[in-house]
Amino acid sequence: MDEFEEIVEIELDEDEFDIEDDVRLTEIYKLTIKLIEHLDRLKSQELKEAASLMIIREIISDDRVLMGLATKMLQDLSYGFDDDPTYSS
């Protein structure tokens, strides 16, 4: 991961930290859509899978609660419960 961090430098503007949560969530959503589009453009399925797993790992980090929520969501998706409007996890 360190080699990727060296390649991709993200500049954070200190003024960005003063914005409201709804504005921040909107920006996160826009960036997520762009990220997914870039992942979809990868020709190699293996690279797409590796990049996706790397992103998940970075987001979850050491947050055990988030890890549990992500695990439950993935289980629901794999069993097809996400399409059932009567199902509540």
Protein backbone atom coordinates (compact mmCIF):
# COMPACT_ATOMS: atom_id res chain seq x y z
CA MET A 1 0.00 0.00 0.00
CA ASP A 2 2.89 2.34 0.70
CA GLU A 3 4.02 2.30 -2.92
CA PHE A 4 0.53 3.42 -4.01
CA GLU A 5 0.53 6.21 -1.45
CA GLU A 6 3.80 7.45 -2.92
CA ILE A 7 2.32 7.46 -6.44
CA VAL A 8 -0.98 9.06 -5.50
CA GLU A 9 -0.61 12.20 -3.47
CA ILE A 10 -3.84 13.56 -2.07
CA GLU A 11 -3.74 17.18 -1.12
CA LEU A 12 -6.13 18.07 1.66
CA ASP A 13 -7.29 21.63 1.95
CA GLU A 14 -7.74 22.57 5.60
CA ASP A 15 -10.83 24.60 4.68
CA GLU A 16 -12.53 21.38 3.55
CA PHE A 17 -12.72 20.19 7.14
CA ASP A 18 -15.10 22.99 8.11
CA ILE A 19 -17.92 21.92 5.80
CA GLU A 20 -21.19 20.40 6.96
CA ASP A 21 -21.71 16.63 7.02
CA ASP A 22 -24.32 16.64 4.25
CA VAL A 23 -21.93 18.46 1.94
CA ARG A 24 -19.14 16.09 2.92
CA LEU A 25 -21.34 13.04 2.28
CA THR A 26 -22.28 14.42 -1.13
CA GLU A 27 -18.60 14.80 -1.99
CA ILE A 28 -17.83 11.27 -0.75
CA TYR A 29 -20.65 9.91 -2.92
CA LYS A 30 -19.33 11.74 -6.00
CA LEU A 31 -15.81 10.45 -5.39
CA THR A 32 -17.14 6.93 -4.86
CA ILE A 33 -18.96 7.00 -8.19
CA LYS A 34 -15.76 8.16 -9.93
CA LEU A 35 -13.77 5.45 -8.18
CA ILE A 36 -16.22 2.75 -9.26
CA GLU A 37 -16.09 4.02 -12.84
CA HIS A 38 -12.30 3.78 -12.78
CA LEU A 39 -12.47 0.26 -11.34
CA ASP A 40 -14.91 -0.78 -14.06
CA ARG A 41 -12.49 0.46 -16.73
CA LEU A 42 -9.74 -1.88 -15.56
CA LYS A 43 -9.24 -4.57 -18.16
CA SER A 44 -7.80 -7.11 -15.76
CA GLN A 45 -10.38 -8.78 -13.52
CA GLU A 46 -7.60 -9.70 -11.10
CA LEU A 47 -6.53 -6.06 -10.78
CA LYS A 48 -10.13 -4.98 -10.30
CA GLU A 49 -10.61 -7.52 -7.51
CA ALA A 50 -7.31 -6.66 -5.85
CA ALA A 51 -8.02 -2.93 -5.98
CA SER A 52 -11.53 -3.45 -4.61
CA LEU A 53 -10.26 -5.52 -1.70
CA MET A 54 -7.50 -2.98 -1.03
CA ILE A 55 -10.11 -0.21 -0.85
CA ILE A 56 -12.30 -2.23 1.52
CA ARG A 57 -9.32 -2.95 3.75
CA GLU A 58 -8.34 0.73 3.85
CA ILE A 59 -11.88 1.81 4.74
CA ILE A 60 -12.38 -0.80 7.45
CA SER A 61 -8.89 -0.46 8.92
CA ASP A 62 -9.08 -1.59 12.56
CA ASP A 63 -12.74 -0.69 13.12
CA ARG A 64 -14.29 -3.93 14.44
CA VAL A 65 -17.85 -2.56 14.30
CA LEU A 66 -17.47 -1.52 10.68
CA MET A 67 -15.90 -4.90 9.91
CA GLY A 68 -18.93 -6.65 11.41
CA LEU A 69 -21.36 -4.46 9.49
CA ALA A 70 -19.49 -5.04 6.23
CA THR A 71 -19.42 -8.80 6.87
CA LYS A 72 -23.18 -8.87 7.50
CA MET A 73 -23.85 -6.79 4.39
CA LEU A 74 -21.72 -9.13 2.26
CA GLN A 75 -23.52 -12.16 3.67
CA ASP A 76 -26.88 -10.57 2.88
CA LEU A 77 -25.72 -9.82 -0.66
CA SER A 78 -24.34 -13.30 -1.22
CA TYR A 79 -27.56 -14.95 -0.02
CA GLY A 80 -29.71 -12.62 -2.10
CA PHE A 81 -31.44 -10.99 0.85
CA ASP A 82 -30.82 -7.50 -0.55
CA ASP A 83 -33.62 -8.03 -3.08
CA ASP A 84 -36.17 -9.12 -0.48
CA PRO A 85 -38.09 -6.07 0.83
CA THR A 86 -39.45 -8.09 3.77
CA TYR A 87 -35.98 -9.03 5.03
CA SER A 88 -34.37 -7.03 7.80
CA SER A 89 -30.85 -7.87 8.88
